[in-house]
Structures are given as structure tokens and as C-alpha cells.
Amino acid sequence: MKKYYLGADIGGTNLRLGIVDESGAVIDEDSKSFHNEFINETPAMPVPPSKQVKFIMENLKCFLKKNTRYAISGIGVGIAGQINEKTGDVLFSPNLNWRDVPLRTILEKETGLSAVVVNDLTAITYGEWKWGAGIGKDNLVCIFVGTGIGSGIVTGGRLISGCSNAAGEIGHIVVVSGGRKCTCGNNGCLEAYAGGWGIAEIAKELALKDKAGFREIIKIAGEIGNISAETIAKAYYDGDDNAINIVKKTGLYLADGVITVVNLINPCMIILGGGVIDGIPALFDITVEEVNKRALKASISHLGIVKPVLGKNGGIVGAAGIARHCD
């Protein structure tokens, strides 16, 4: 009898759900944007995790109800942050401001199904490794740039999680000592310079200092407070000089992080994607150029940097695949 699994990808601003079969094929899918009341506007005014969890559970159960014709064998969830994979607790998710949320326990209680909870990039990496760009590769790193920046690592044909399941936090590599404040509480993290939220904050600060020079960017956004990475992407491809400068600097910072990974781990493949890369493809090109220019020659002698194959479904396919593996 064919088995089906529910994969869930909980991002910084969206929830993606999918029914996935044993071959990694997505049978049905859905996506929900977190409304403003579920997004932490500032660290000083966090939204209670209970409200976010309620929103997620309501949509997940509704999706299951819609797909009762499939016998679901288990649930796999990928979420940004540090996860205790043994208990399924979300220890810390900076972009959602979650701490010590027993997500697996809640999932199993609410649905009656067995569940696994992993880091979102662990899920995406598993999906790309088994069914995407990394098929047949035993040493690869999957790096995704979205609201935040994360990575998953495969070495010697095994997913690496680290002794406390925190491996792959490339977004929190320090690229500027004493630099910009990050959502993790540290300063100078890569994510604060090249993540979606970091790009937006930098652009807002620059616009406040030079409203005349940033008038086109402000016009696209409507007002300074609404400037986002998407705003910068549109302005960049409209030829705006300030947006072009922001993208170039972002690419250099992103390359710093990728070069660190390449020199440290020596993978044969880097899979580089995510919403920000999708929106500003030039970042991919800048990063590849800088890696080829500045990484150790021995480290890049067999390296390929490619884009992901599974696209927006990578997280749900990978999460469902891990649930199947644990079944």
C-alpha cells in the first residue's frame, strides 16, 4: 500500500503544506502567508508563540481534512531555528521569536499522527539531496537566503546535525566584528547584512539619511517603513543606482559566508537558493564570481555551485522525506 506524508515548511513569513508520496512527488500543496499579527515587527514587541502555533495548527488540520482520501503515515516539519530533533522542541527560532516550544508534542496531540521536527534547511537539504540538484552527491552544502539565512550539510553521505542539532547556522557567522545587531542577539552576523530582513533594514536606514536619493525606492515601497528586499529587487532591475549598490554589497557579504563554508568543509557542491536569490538572481552571479576569485584553489577544484531544483516545494518534500525515513 502506497504511503503518504504531510510535509510542512514554516518560514519567517509563510507556511507551506504538502502531501508527498514515497517517491518525493507532491500530490497536493497549499501556502498561507502569516498575517501581520503573526509577524514580529520588533524584538521589543514579540507576538506570543501560542498565537502563531494556533494559526499553524488550524491551517494544518484544515489541509489534512481536505486530503482525507490519502492515508497519512506521518508529519514532517521544517522550521528555521535550533531544534532538539530527539524531542521535536523548537529551542530558538529568531525570526519567529520562539523559545522552547514543544512543537512535536503539540502536533502529535492535535493530529494523532507521529511527527518529526527539524531545522528548515535540514529539510530542504534532504529534499535536494535525495530528489533534487544533489542526487548522487555525498558531500554538499545547501544554502538558502530568505528572511534569514541557513544551511544544511551532507558529508560522507550523511546529514550533519552537530552534537546539539545546531549545525548549519551560516546566517550567524560573524562577518563584521561588532557590526549590525542580529535577531539572535549577536552583532555582525551574515544574516543582518544579506538576509531579507537585513537588506530591508539597511535600505531603510540609508533612505532615512538620503530621502531625495532614495526617492524611487521610497516610491516603490510607498513609504520608508515599507521598504523590503522585494522593493530593492524591483528597484535594482529598474536600474536604480542605490539599489544596485545595496545588491553589490549584499553579494560580497554573502560570498564571505559561502567562502568560509567552502574553505572549511570542502564540499563538491553548493546549492544556493531561497526567496532572496529568486528575487535578485544577480546575487547568485556575484557570489559565484567572488567564490571563484577568493576561495582557496584546492577547495574549489571540484566545486560546483548550482541552483536548487525543487524550488518552493523543497522544504515540504524534504520534511516529508525525513518523516518517511523515521517511520
Foldseek 3Di string as FASTA:
>chain_A
DWEWAWFWEDELFKIKIFIATQLLDTPDIDMDTDPPLQWDPDPVDARPVVVVLVVVLVVVVVVCVVVVVHDHQEYFYAYAAAAQQVQRFRCAHLRRGDHGHSNQVVVCVSPVHHYTYAHLQQLLVQLCCPPKDNDPFQWEKEWAAEQFIWIWTGHRNDTDQDPRRPPTRLQADAPDVVAPQDSVGHHRGLRLQQHFNNLLVVQLVVCVVPVPLCVQLCVQQVHSVRRTLLSLLVCVVVPRPVSVVSLLRSLVSVLVSVLVCLQPRLGLEYAYYYDSCVSRVVSVVSSVVVSVVDHDCVSCVRHDYHYIGVPPCSSRSSRRNVGVVVD
